[in-house]
Amino acid sequence: MSPSRPRALALAGAALALVLTAAGCGAGADDDGRGGDSGKDGAARSGAAGDWKPCAAPTAAQGGGKAPGKGWECTTLPVPLDYGKPDGPKIDLALIRSRATDRAHRIGSLVFNFGGPGGSGVATLPELAKSYAGLHARYDLVSFDPRGVGESAGVRCLGDRELDAAESTDATPDDAGEITAALAQNKRYVQACDRNSGKVLPHVGTTDAARDLDRLRAALGDEKLNYFGISYGTELGGVYAHLFPKRVGRAVLDAVVDPSQDPVEGTLAQAKGFQLALGDYLKDCAKGAAASSCPTQESITALLKRLDSRPLPTTQKDRPLTQDQAVNGIAAALYSEDTWKYLTAGLREAGTKGTGTTLQLLSDSLAGRSPDGHYSNLQAANRAITCADAQQRYTADDIAARLPAFRSAAPVFGESAAWALLQCTDWPVKGAWKTPDVGAAGSAPIVVIGNTGDPATPYEGARTMAERLGKGVGVTVTYRGEGHGAYNSGNRCMTRLVDGYLLDGTVPKEGTTCS
C-alpha cells in the first residue's frame, strides 16, 4: 500500500491502463442552507467563474496527458483562501465541464469528485466520461481540482528527483537504523511542504473543500448540488451534506470511506480489504487456463522478503524495484478486476525473469509518477489534506506496538499500512477532527453504495456512512463484486439503479443488492 494513501483513489484502474500503455507494457454546521456565506450570492462574494474556454492539456501537476478535445470547457473560480476571512486573499479553483447533450431535457450540473484525496478532477473526468454517457445526456458533467490539488493552489513538496531519491529509504524499517532513516526522510518531506506551500497548508482540509463545493454550485447556477462522489469523494460529500443539508440535490456516494474510523482503524480496515482482494485475485487466477503458473501468497511473501535486501533490476537502470514499490504495485493492480492481468504479468516477470519493470509501473501509477519521470502533486495533496483533517499524530513507538496486529490481519499489506501512519508526524498544521461529522438531518436522500469486494474502502463503511447521515437520508445499496467502486464496474443492475435515481429521482429501496 502506498505510504500516503489512507484514503483511496477511484481512478486507479484507468490510470493503470494509461500508464502501462504509455510505457509500452468537520467543523460544526454553521451554515445549513438557511443563510451564511455561501448562499445564492456565494459566487458573487467570492468572484464569478471566468469565461469557459476550450481546455488545454493537463499540466504536470494534474498528471499530464493530452487535451480532452471538443466539447470540454475549462475555467477558474476564485474562492477565499481562508473562509474565516471571506474578503481576504483568494485562490483559483480549476474547473472542467462538458454540457448536456440533450439540452431540451437538461436537469442541471452533476459535479464529480473522484477521490484521493489528491486526484485532479480536471484531468480525470474526460478520461472516465464514457462511463457516464447515460447521465451526460441530461447533465452537464462537471469536475474540479479541489484546493491543494493540481492547478487549484496545488501543494508542492519534494521535486521529481528528490522523490525518486527517497525511494532508497525503506518505508517498512526493520531495525533502529532504518527507523531513524525513515523518520528523517519523513521530516524532510514535511519541511519541504511547509517551505513551498506553508500559506495554503492550513486551508486545504475537507471542510474548506465542502465550502468550495457550495461556491461552485452557486457559480453553476444550481439551487441544489447534484453530486457524484467516489472514494474520498464520499467523505467530501458527507461533510458537504452536514454543512449544507438543504442544498443537497441528487447525490450518490460510491466506494465509501467509513466516517467513524480514526486513522488506525481506517488504515487497518483498508489493509484487510487489500488482503481480501488479493485472496480473491489468487483464487480467480487459479481457475484459469494458466493456473499452474499462478502466484500464491507464499510466493508473493517470499518475493517481498527477497526484495527487502535485493531489489530487482528494471528498464530504468537507476531505479530498481524495491520491496515498498512491489507492495504498492500489487495494491495498485487490485483496484480493478481489469488490472488483475497486469498483476499476474508483473509477478511472473519478477519470479521467472528476475526483473521488476511491470510491478514498478503499477507502483508509479499509484504514486502519480508518469513514464517521463514527472510526478503529479497527488502525493503532496493527499498528505496535506489528510493531515489538515486528522488530529492524530503517531510516533515510531506507536507503530511498533501496533505492528503485530497489522501483520496478523494482512500479511502482505499490514506492515506497509502501519508505517504509513507516520505521514502526519511533525506536520506543521493541526488537524480539524478525530473523525468527520456527516450528520445531515433535513437533507434529501443520498444513495450510498458499498462493494463487498472493495479493497480500498471496505463494504462496512457504506453502512456506517448511511447510518451517520441520518434516518431517511442515507440509503444503502450493495454491489456484490470486485474492485474499487460499483458504478464503473459496468454492472447493468447498478447502472440502471443509479441512472434511475439521478435522471428520474427514483430513490432505490433500502438494502437493494446488485450482483
Protein backbone atom coordinates (compact mmCIF):
# COMPACT_ATOMS: atom_id res chain seq x y z
CA MET A 1 0.00 0.00 0.00
CA SER A 2 1.17 3.46 -0.80
CA PRO A 3 2.58 5.24 2.23
CA SER A 4 0.36 8.24 1.60
CA ARG A 5 -2.93 6.56 0.81
CA PRO A 6 -5.06 6.01 3.93
CA ARG A 7 -7.98 7.08 1.78
CA ALA A 8 -8.10 5.89 -1.76
CA LEU A 9 -8.39 6.80 -5.41
CA ALA A 10 -11.27 5.76 -7.62
CA LEU A 11 -9.35 6.47 -10.80
CA ALA A 12 -6.66 3.88 -10.16
CA GLY A 13 -7.93 1.39 -12.75
CA ALA A 14 -8.00 3.94 -15.55
CA ALA A 15 -4.66 5.37 -14.51
CA LEU A 16 -3.01 1.95 -14.55
CA ALA A 17 -4.11 1.22 -18.08
CA LEU A 18 -2.90 4.60 -19.29
CA VAL A 19 0.49 4.30 -17.58
CA LEU A 20 1.12 0.77 -18.77
CA THR A 21 0.10 1.62 -22.32
CA ALA A 22 2.28 4.72 -22.35
CA ALA A 23 5.21 2.70 -21.03
CA GLY A 24 4.86 0.06 -23.68
CA CYS A 25 3.67 -2.54 -21.35
CA GLY A 26 -15.60 18.57 10.34
CA ALA A 27 -16.44 21.85 11.66
CA GLY A 28 -19.91 22.48 13.08
CA ALA A 29 -22.81 23.01 10.68
CA ASP A 30 -22.85 26.77 10.98
CA ASP A 31 -24.39 27.15 7.52
CA ASP A 32 -27.02 24.56 6.64
CA GLY A 33 -28.68 26.26 3.71
CA ARG A 34 -30.66 28.76 5.74
CA GLY A 35 -28.14 31.57 5.20
CA GLY A 36 -24.45 32.29 5.74
CA ASP A 37 -21.53 32.91 3.45
CA SER A 38 -22.41 30.56 0.61
CA GLY A 39 -26.00 31.22 -0.38
CA LYS A 40 -27.19 32.21 -3.84
CA ASP A 41 -24.85 35.17 -3.70
CA GLY A 42 -21.87 33.00 -2.76
CA ALA A 43 -20.30 33.15 -6.20
CA ALA A 44 -20.64 36.90 -6.31
CA ARG A 45 -18.97 37.33 -2.93
CA SER A 46 -16.02 35.15 -3.96
CA GLY A 47 -15.92 36.34 -7.55
CA ALA A 48 -17.71 34.78 -10.51
CA ALA A 49 -16.24 31.96 -12.54
CA GLY A 50 -14.20 33.11 -15.52
CA ASP A 51 -15.18 32.57 -19.13
CA TRP A 52 -15.40 28.93 -20.15
CA LYS A 53 -12.85 28.18 -22.87
CA PRO A 54 -11.52 25.08 -24.65
CA CYS A 55 -9.33 23.08 -22.27
CA ALA A 56 -5.58 22.89 -22.57
CA ALA A 57 -3.73 19.66 -21.85
CA PRO A 58 -3.49 18.74 -18.15
CA THR A 59 -0.39 20.18 -16.53
CA ALA A 60 2.32 18.09 -14.90
CA ALA A 61 0.77 18.85 -11.50
CA GLN A 62 -2.52 17.41 -12.75
CA GLY A 63 -0.81 14.31 -14.13
CA GLY A 64 -0.12 15.38 -17.71
CA GLY A 65 -1.65 13.91 -20.84
CA LYS A 66 -3.46 15.21 -23.91
CA ALA A 67 -6.04 17.97 -24.12
CA PRO A 68 -9.55 16.48 -23.76
CA GLY A 69 -10.69 17.88 -27.11
CA LYS A 70 -14.02 19.02 -28.49
CA GLY A 71 -16.88 19.50 -26.09
CA TRP A 72 -14.78 20.17 -23.00
CA GLU A 73 -14.57 23.62 -21.44
CA CYS A 74 -12.35 24.87 -18.62
CA THR A 75 -12.27 27.93 -16.39
CA THR A 76 -11.38 29.01 -12.86
CA LEU A 77 -13.45 30.07 -9.86
CA PRO A 78 -11.96 32.38 -7.21
CA VAL A 79 -12.73 31.38 -3.62
CA PRO A 80 -11.42 32.61 -0.26
CA LEU A 81 -8.14 31.06 0.85
CA ASP A 82 -9.42 31.36 4.43
CA TYR A 83 -13.18 31.17 4.93
CA GLY A 84 -12.64 32.87 8.28
CA LYS A 85 -11.60 35.90 6.20
CA PRO A 86 -14.00 35.79 3.23
CA ASP A 87 -12.83 39.17 1.90
CA GLY A 88 -9.15 38.25 2.20
CA PRO A 89 -6.81 36.59 -0.32
CA LYS A 90 -8.35 34.33 -2.96
CA ILE A 91 -7.24 31.15 -4.70
CA ASP A 92 -8.49 29.95 -8.07
CA LEU A 93 -10.18 26.56 -8.41
CA ALA A 94 -9.60 24.83 -11.76
CA LEU A 95 -12.90 23.65 -13.29
CA ILE A 96 -13.91 21.49 -16.26
CA ARG A 97 -17.28 20.67 -17.81
CA SER A 98 -18.99 19.13 -20.80
CA ARG A 99 -22.51 20.37 -21.45
CA ALA A 100 -25.52 18.04 -21.52
CA THR A 101 -26.09 16.57 -24.97
CA ASP A 102 -29.90 16.75 -24.68
CA ARG A 103 -30.27 20.42 -23.86
CA ALA A 104 -34.07 20.32 -24.11
CA HIS A 105 -34.26 17.91 -21.17
CA ARG A 106 -31.28 19.16 -19.16
CA ILE A 107 -31.59 18.67 -15.39
CA GLY A 108 -28.58 20.73 -14.34
CA SER A 109 -24.96 20.08 -13.40
CA LEU A 110 -23.59 16.85 -11.95
CA VAL A 111 -20.40 17.53 -10.01
CA PHE A 112 -17.83 14.74 -9.58
CA ASN A 113 -15.05 14.14 -7.09
CA PHE A 114 -13.07 11.01 -7.93
CA GLY A 115 -11.18 10.59 -4.70
CA GLY A 116 -7.70 10.56 -3.29
CA PRO A 117 -7.68 12.97 -1.68
CA GLY A 118 -5.43 14.50 -4.29
CA GLY A 119 -6.90 13.37 -7.59
CA SER A 120 -7.31 16.02 -10.29
CA GLY A 121 -10.91 16.13 -11.45
CA VAL A 122 -9.89 18.26 -14.42
CA ALA A 123 -7.63 15.50 -15.71
CA THR A 124 -9.81 12.57 -14.67
CA LEU A 125 -13.34 13.43 -15.80
CA PRO A 126 -12.60 13.35 -19.55
CA GLU A 127 -10.80 10.01 -19.15
CA LEU A 128 -13.81 8.42 -17.45
CA ALA A 129 -16.61 10.31 -19.20
CA LYS A 130 -17.70 7.31 -21.31
CA SER A 131 -18.74 5.58 -18.09
CA TYR A 132 -21.25 8.39 -17.52
CA ALA A 133 -22.65 8.63 -21.06
CA GLY A 134 -26.18 7.85 -19.90
CA LEU A 135 -26.04 10.71 -17.41
CA HIS A 136 -24.35 13.11 -19.84
CA ALA A 137 -27.47 13.41 -21.95
CA ARG A 138 -29.29 15.42 -19.28
CA TYR A 139 -26.49 16.67 -17.05
CA ASP A 140 -23.57 18.97 -17.61
CA LEU A 141 -20.70 16.79 -16.36
CA VAL A 142 -18.54 18.96 -14.09
CA SER A 143 -15.42 18.36 -12.03
CA PHE A 144 -12.64 20.38 -10.44
CA ASP A 145 -9.27 20.26 -8.78
CA PRO A 146 -10.05 20.61 -5.06
CA ARG A 147 -7.99 23.19 -3.17
CA GLY A 148 -4.42 21.98 -2.75
CA VAL A 149 -4.73 19.71 -5.80
CA GLY A 150 -3.36 20.13 -9.31
CA GLU A 151 -3.93 23.69 -10.50
CA SER A 152 -6.04 24.80 -7.52
CA ALA A 153 -3.24 26.24 -5.38
CA GLY A 154 -1.64 22.81 -5.60
CA VAL A 155 0.56 21.82 -2.66
CA ARG A 156 4.24 21.42 -3.57
CA CYS A 157 6.72 19.42 -1.52
CA LEU A 158 9.67 17.50 -2.99
CA GLY A 159 10.69 17.69 -6.64
CA ASP A 160 10.85 14.80 -9.11
CA ARG A 161 14.49 13.88 -8.46
CA GLU A 162 14.05 14.19 -4.71
CA LEU A 163 11.04 11.86 -4.81
CA ASP A 164 12.99 9.31 -6.84
CA ALA A 165 15.88 9.56 -4.39
CA ALA A 166 13.52 8.99 -1.47
CA GLU A 167 12.75 5.52 -2.84
CA SER A 168 16.04 4.29 -1.39
CA THR A 169 14.71 4.85 2.15
CA ASP A 170 12.99 1.73 3.45
CA ALA A 171 9.41 2.69 4.33
CA THR A 172 8.97 -0.52 6.35
CA PRO A 173 12.01 -0.30 8.64
CA ASP A 174 13.32 -3.44 10.35
CA ASP A 175 15.86 -2.03 12.81
CA ALA A 176 16.79 1.12 14.71
CA GLY A 177 18.94 2.47 11.89
CA GLU A 178 16.20 2.07 9.30
CA ILE A 179 13.64 3.63 11.65
CA THR A 180 15.91 6.64 12.11
CA ALA A 181 16.32 6.96 8.34
CA ALA A 182 12.56 6.67 7.74
CA LEU A 183 11.79 9.35 10.32
CA ALA A 184 14.43 11.63 8.83
CA GLN A 185 13.02 11.19 5.32
CA ASN A 186 9.51 11.88 6.58
CA LYS A 187 10.74 15.08 8.26
CA ARG A 188 12.48 16.22 5.04
CA TYR A 189 9.22 15.74 3.17
CA VAL A 190 7.18 17.64 5.75
CA GLN A 191 9.68 20.50 5.86
CA ALA A 192 9.59 20.77 2.06
CA CYS A 193 5.80 21.00 2.12
CA ASP A 194 5.95 23.75 4.74
CA ARG A 195 8.71 25.60 2.89
CA ASN A 196 7.00 25.50 -0.52
CA SER A 197 3.30 25.64 0.43
CA GLY A 198 3.11 26.85 4.02
CA LYS A 199 0.49 29.52 3.28
CA VAL A 200 -2.08 27.07 1.92
CA LEU A 201 -1.48 24.10 4.25
CA PRO A 202 -3.88 25.35 6.97
CA HIS A 203 -6.66 25.77 4.41
CA VAL A 204 -6.78 22.54 2.35
CA GLY A 205 -8.98 20.44 4.64
CA THR A 206 -12.23 18.77 3.65
CA THR A 207 -14.42 21.36 5.37
CA ASP A 208 -12.89 24.10 3.20
CA ALA A 209 -13.33 21.91 0.12
CA ALA A 210 -17.00 21.40 1.02
CA ARG A 211 -17.48 25.16 1.23
CA ASP A 212 -15.82 25.41 -2.18
CA LEU A 213 -18.38 22.92 -3.49
CA ASP A 214 -21.14 25.26 -2.43
CA ARG A 215 -19.47 28.20 -4.18
CA LEU A 216 -19.20 26.00 -7.27
CA ARG A 217 -22.89 25.09 -7.04
CA ALA A 218 -23.82 28.77 -6.94
CA ALA A 219 -21.47 29.67 -9.79
CA LEU A 220 -23.06 26.96 -11.95
CA GLY A 221 -26.48 28.48 -11.30
CA ASP A 222 -27.89 25.43 -9.48
CA GLU A 223 -30.16 25.83 -6.45
CA LYS A 224 -29.09 22.42 -5.20
CA LEU A 225 -25.90 20.39 -5.63
CA ASN A 226 -26.22 17.23 -7.68
CA TYR A 227 -23.14 15.25 -6.76
CA PHE A 228 -21.31 12.01 -7.53
CA GLY A 229 -18.57 11.28 -5.00
CA ILE A 230 -16.26 8.28 -5.25
CA SER A 231 -13.82 7.02 -2.59
CA TYR A 232 -12.55 10.08 -0.67
CA GLY A 233 -15.22 11.96 -2.63
CA THR A 234 -17.76 10.21 -0.40
CA GLU A 235 -16.22 11.81 2.68
CA LEU A 236 -16.29 15.20 0.97
CA GLY A 237 -19.92 14.61 0.02
CA GLY A 238 -20.82 13.61 3.56
CA VAL A 239 -19.20 16.72 5.01
CA TYR A 240 -20.98 18.89 2.41
CA ALA A 241 -24.32 17.33 3.37
CA HIS A 242 -23.56 18.03 7.04
CA LEU A 243 -22.78 21.69 6.37
CA PHE A 244 -25.48 22.35 3.76
CA PRO A 245 -28.21 19.70 4.14
CA LYS A 246 -30.92 21.75 2.46
CA ARG A 247 -28.76 22.33 -0.60
CA VAL A 248 -28.29 18.63 -1.38
CA GLY A 249 -29.96 17.64 -4.62
CA ARG A 250 -29.48 14.13 -6.00
CA ALA A 251 -26.28 12.67 -4.56
CA VAL A 252 -24.50 9.33 -4.96
CA LEU A 253 -21.63 8.15 -2.74
CA ASP A 254 -19.79 5.15 -4.23
CA ALA A 255 -16.85 3.27 -2.62
CA VAL A 256 -17.48 4.79 0.76
CA VAL A 257 -14.91 5.95 3.32
CA ASP A 258 -16.06 4.96 6.81
CA PRO A 259 -16.64 8.25 8.69
CA SER A 260 -16.49 6.56 12.10
CA GLN A 261 -12.92 5.28 11.91
CA ASP A 262 -9.81 7.06 13.17
CA PRO A 263 -6.60 6.71 11.10
CA VAL A 264 -5.51 3.48 12.82
CA GLU A 265 -8.92 1.86 12.40
CA GLY A 266 -9.30 3.05 8.82
CA THR A 267 -5.82 2.01 7.77
CA LEU A 268 -6.15 -1.42 9.36
CA ALA A 269 -9.52 -1.95 7.67
CA GLN A 270 -8.01 -0.97 4.34
CA ALA A 271 -5.08 -3.36 4.81
CA LYS A 272 -7.60 -6.13 5.46
CA GLY A 273 -9.51 -5.07 2.36
CA PHE A 274 -6.46 -5.36 0.14
CA GLN A 275 -5.59 -8.71 1.71
CA LEU A 276 -9.13 -9.94 0.95
CA ALA A 277 -8.88 -8.67 -2.62
CA LEU A 278 -5.51 -10.39 -3.06
CA GLY A 279 -7.08 -13.66 -1.94
CA ASP A 280 -9.93 -13.20 -4.43
CA TYR A 281 -7.41 -12.48 -7.19
CA LEU A 282 -5.37 -15.60 -6.36
CA LYS A 283 -8.49 -17.79 -6.38
CA ASP A 284 -9.55 -16.36 -9.73
CA CYS A 285 -6.10 -16.88 -11.23
CA ALA A 286 -6.03 -20.49 -10.04
CA LYS A 287 -9.24 -21.18 -12.00
CA GLY A 288 -7.71 -20.02 -15.30
CA ALA A 289 -6.04 -21.88 -18.11
CA ALA A 290 -2.58 -20.99 -16.80
CA ALA A 291 -3.34 -21.98 -13.21
CA SER A 292 -0.10 -23.92 -12.85
CA SER A 293 1.94 -20.75 -13.25
CA CYS A 294 -0.22 -18.56 -10.99
CA PRO A 295 1.39 -16.94 -7.96
CA THR A 296 0.49 -17.93 -4.42
CA GLN A 297 0.53 -15.88 -1.26
CA GLU A 298 3.61 -17.85 -0.20
CA SER A 299 5.47 -16.98 -3.40
CA ILE A 300 4.46 -13.31 -3.07
CA THR A 301 5.64 -13.22 0.56
CA ALA A 302 8.95 -14.83 -0.44
CA LEU A 303 9.42 -12.28 -3.25
CA LEU A 304 8.83 -9.37 -0.89
CA LYS A 305 11.27 -10.79 1.64
CA ARG A 306 13.99 -11.06 -1.04
CA LEU A 307 13.33 -7.54 -2.26
CA ASP A 308 13.94 -6.12 1.21
CA SER A 309 17.67 -6.68 0.70
CA ARG A 310 17.96 -7.31 -3.04
CA PRO A 311 15.91 -5.01 -5.30
CA LEU A 312 15.22 -6.26 -8.82
CA PRO A 313 16.51 -4.53 -11.94
CA THR A 314 14.05 -2.70 -14.21
CA THR A 315 14.28 -0.99 -17.58
CA GLN A 316 15.13 2.18 -15.64
CA LYS A 317 18.70 1.33 -14.71
CA ASP A 318 18.90 3.80 -11.85
CA ARG A 319 15.54 2.70 -10.36
CA PRO A 320 15.47 -0.93 -9.23
CA LEU A 321 12.22 -2.38 -7.88
CA THR A 322 12.19 -2.10 -4.09
CA GLN A 323 10.10 -4.02 -1.59
CA ASP A 324 7.95 -0.93 -0.96
CA GLN A 325 7.31 -0.45 -4.67
CA ALA A 326 6.36 -4.10 -5.08
CA VAL A 327 3.77 -3.88 -2.29
CA ASN A 328 2.37 -0.69 -3.81
CA GLY A 329 2.32 -2.24 -7.27
CA ILE A 330 0.39 -5.26 -6.03
CA ALA A 331 -2.10 -2.98 -4.27
CA ALA A 332 -2.48 -0.79 -7.36
CA ALA A 333 -3.49 -3.74 -9.53
CA LEU A 334 -6.18 -4.79 -7.05
CA TYR A 335 -8.24 -1.65 -7.58
CA SER A 336 -9.99 -3.23 -10.56
CA GLU A 337 -10.52 -6.72 -11.98
CA ASP A 338 -9.45 -5.21 -15.31
CA THR A 339 -5.92 -4.77 -13.97
CA TRP A 340 -5.53 -8.20 -12.38
CA LYS A 341 -3.88 -9.36 -15.60
CA TYR A 342 -1.11 -6.81 -15.08
CA LEU A 343 -0.53 -8.17 -11.61
CA THR A 344 -0.18 -11.67 -12.99
CA ALA A 345 2.27 -10.42 -15.61
CA GLY A 346 4.27 -8.45 -13.07
CA LEU A 347 4.56 -11.29 -10.57
CA ARG A 348 5.54 -13.76 -13.29
CA GLU A 349 8.12 -11.34 -14.63
CA ALA A 350 9.63 -10.94 -11.18
CA GLY A 351 9.57 -14.65 -10.49
CA THR A 352 10.80 -16.05 -13.81
CA LYS A 353 12.85 -13.25 -15.34
CA GLY A 354 14.08 -11.63 -12.16
CA THR A 355 13.03 -8.16 -13.34
CA GLY A 356 10.58 -5.70 -11.79
CA THR A 357 9.51 -3.35 -14.58
CA THR A 358 5.78 -4.11 -14.57
CA LEU A 359 5.40 -4.00 -10.79
CA GLN A 360 7.29 -0.71 -10.76
CA LEU A 361 4.98 0.76 -13.40
CA LEU A 362 1.99 -0.28 -11.31
CA SER A 363 3.54 1.35 -8.25
CA ASP A 364 4.32 4.53 -10.20
CA SER A 365 0.71 4.83 -11.32
CA LEU A 366 -0.43 4.88 -7.71
CA ALA A 367 2.24 7.42 -6.79
CA GLY A 368 1.33 9.80 -9.60
CA ARG A 369 4.64 9.27 -11.46
CA SER A 370 4.37 9.39 -15.24
CA PRO A 371 6.64 7.36 -17.54
CA ASP A 372 8.66 10.51 -18.30
CA GLY A 373 9.65 10.78 -14.64
CA HIS A 374 7.40 13.67 -13.62
CA TYR A 375 5.19 13.39 -10.55
CA SER A 376 1.78 14.98 -10.26
CA ASN A 377 1.06 16.67 -6.95
CA LEU A 378 -1.07 13.67 -5.92
CA GLN A 379 1.20 12.55 -3.06
CA ALA A 380 1.69 16.06 -1.71
CA ALA A 381 -2.01 16.93 -1.86
CA ASN A 382 -3.02 13.60 -0.35
CA ARG A 383 -0.80 14.13 2.65
CA ALA A 384 -1.68 17.80 3.09
CA ILE A 385 -5.44 17.19 3.02
CA THR A 386 -5.23 14.10 5.21
CA CYS A 387 -3.13 15.89 7.83
CA ALA A 388 -5.29 19.03 7.74
CA ASP A 389 -8.26 16.79 8.57
CA ALA A 390 -6.94 14.27 11.10
CA GLN A 391 -5.87 15.39 14.58
CA GLN A 392 -4.00 12.18 15.37
CA ARG A 393 -0.19 12.12 15.28
CA TYR A 394 1.72 8.87 15.77
CA THR A 395 5.27 8.01 16.82
CA ALA A 396 7.53 5.14 15.82
CA ASP A 397 6.78 3.53 19.19
CA ASP A 398 3.04 3.77 18.44
CA ILE A 399 3.59 1.94 15.15
CA ALA A 400 5.83 -0.72 16.68
CA ALA A 401 3.15 -1.50 19.26
CA ARG A 402 0.54 -1.99 16.52
CA LEU A 403 2.68 -3.96 14.04
CA PRO A 404 1.70 -7.42 15.30
CA ALA A 405 -2.00 -6.70 14.78
CA PHE A 406 -1.41 -5.27 11.31
CA ARG A 407 0.83 -8.18 10.24
CA SER A 408 -1.67 -10.72 11.51
CA ALA A 409 -4.62 -9.06 9.76
CA ALA A 410 -2.83 -8.52 6.43
CA PRO A 411 0.40 -10.49 5.92
CA VAL A 412 1.22 -8.79 2.60
CA PHE A 413 -0.02 -5.25 3.26
CA GLY A 414 -0.16 -4.83 7.03
CA GLU A 415 3.38 -3.68 7.74
CA SER A 416 3.40 -1.08 4.97
CA ALA A 417 -0.01 0.18 6.10
CA ALA A 418 1.09 0.53 9.70
CA TRP A 419 4.20 2.57 8.93
CA ALA A 420 2.11 4.83 6.68
CA LEU A 421 0.56 6.21 9.86
CA LEU A 422 3.71 8.28 10.35
CA GLN A 423 2.80 10.57 7.45
CA CYS A 424 1.37 13.33 9.68
CA THR A 425 4.18 13.18 12.25
CA ASP A 426 5.83 16.64 12.50
CA TRP A 427 3.13 18.15 10.25
CA PRO A 428 3.07 21.95 10.76
CA VAL A 429 -0.73 22.25 10.86
CA LYS A 430 -3.10 20.83 13.48
CA GLY A 431 -5.85 18.53 12.25
CA ALA A 432 -9.52 19.53 12.35
CA TRP A 433 -11.18 16.40 13.74
CA LYS A 434 -10.82 12.93 15.17
CA THR A 435 -13.49 11.73 12.75
CA PRO A 436 -15.66 13.81 10.38
CA ASP A 437 -19.23 14.75 11.21
CA VAL A 438 -21.55 13.75 8.37
CA GLY A 439 -24.91 14.01 10.13
CA ALA A 440 -27.25 15.60 7.58
CA ALA A 441 -30.73 15.86 9.08
CA GLY A 442 -33.03 17.60 6.63
CA SER A 443 -31.11 16.53 3.54
CA ALA A 444 -32.68 14.90 0.52
CA PRO A 445 -31.99 11.15 0.23
CA ILE A 446 -28.38 10.23 -0.56
CA VAL A 447 -27.62 6.89 -2.25
CA VAL A 448 -24.71 5.15 -0.51
CA ILE A 449 -23.12 2.26 -2.43
CA GLY A 450 -20.90 -0.41 -0.90
CA ASN A 451 -18.98 -3.08 -2.84
CA THR A 452 -18.41 -6.36 -0.96
CA GLY A 453 -15.04 -6.90 -2.69
CA ASP A 454 -13.72 -3.35 -2.48
CA PRO A 455 -10.05 -3.40 -1.38
CA ALA A 456 -9.59 0.29 -0.60
CA THR A 457 -12.91 1.22 1.03
CA PRO A 458 -14.31 -1.93 2.64
CA TYR A 459 -18.01 -2.60 2.38
CA GLU A 460 -18.82 -1.90 6.04
CA GLY A 461 -18.05 1.79 5.51
CA ALA A 462 -21.15 2.22 3.37
CA ARG A 463 -23.48 1.03 6.10
CA THR A 464 -21.80 3.28 8.64
CA MET A 465 -21.99 6.30 6.34
CA ALA A 466 -25.71 5.73 5.72
CA GLU A 467 -26.32 5.46 9.46
CA ARG A 468 -24.28 8.60 10.23
CA LEU A 469 -26.02 10.63 7.52
CA GLY A 470 -29.23 10.00 9.41
CA LYS A 471 -32.57 8.27 9.18
CA GLY A 472 -34.31 8.98 5.91
CA VAL A 473 -31.13 10.41 4.37
CA GLY A 474 -28.65 7.60 3.78
CA VAL A 475 -29.98 4.81 1.53
CA THR A 476 -27.68 1.77 1.39
CA VAL A 477 -27.20 -0.17 -1.84
CA THR A 478 -24.95 -3.25 -2.10
CA TYR A 479 -22.88 -4.44 -5.05
CA ARG A 480 -21.55 -7.98 -4.79
CA GLY A 481 -18.44 -7.69 -6.90
CA GLU A 482 -14.74 -6.91 -7.04
CA GLY A 483 -12.73 -3.73 -7.44
CA HIS A 484 -12.89 -0.21 -6.06
CA GLY A 485 -16.37 1.18 -6.55
CA ALA A 486 -19.51 -0.18 -8.18
CA TYR A 487 -20.96 2.14 -10.82
CA ASN A 488 -17.92 1.93 -13.11
CA SER A 489 -17.92 -1.86 -12.91
CA GLY A 490 -20.31 -1.99 -15.85
CA ASN A 491 -22.88 -3.98 -13.86
CA ARG A 492 -26.23 -3.40 -15.58
CA CYS A 493 -28.24 -3.57 -12.39
CA MET A 494 -26.08 -0.90 -10.78
CA THR A 495 -26.17 1.33 -13.87
CA ARG A 496 -29.95 1.07 -14.08
CA LEU A 497 -30.40 1.80 -10.39
CA VAL A 498 -28.09 4.84 -10.21
CA ASP A 499 -29.25 6.29 -13.52
CA GLY A 500 -32.86 5.88 -12.44
CA TYR A 501 -32.15 7.89 -9.32
CA LEU A 502 -30.05 10.65 -10.90
CA LEU A 503 -32.19 11.04 -14.03
CA ASP A 504 -35.70 10.35 -12.73
CA GLY A 505 -35.38 10.84 -8.98
CA THR A 506 -36.34 7.24 -8.21
CA VAL A 507 -34.80 6.52 -4.81
CA PRO A 508 -33.71 2.87 -4.50
CA LYS A 509 -35.24 0.73 -1.81
CA GLU A 510 -33.02 0.47 1.28
CA GLY A 511 -30.90 -2.68 1.10
CA THR A 512 -31.17 -3.17 -2.67
CA THR A 513 -28.47 -5.55 -3.93
CA CYS A 514 -26.87 -5.91 -7.36
CA SER A 515 -24.54 -8.74 -8.32
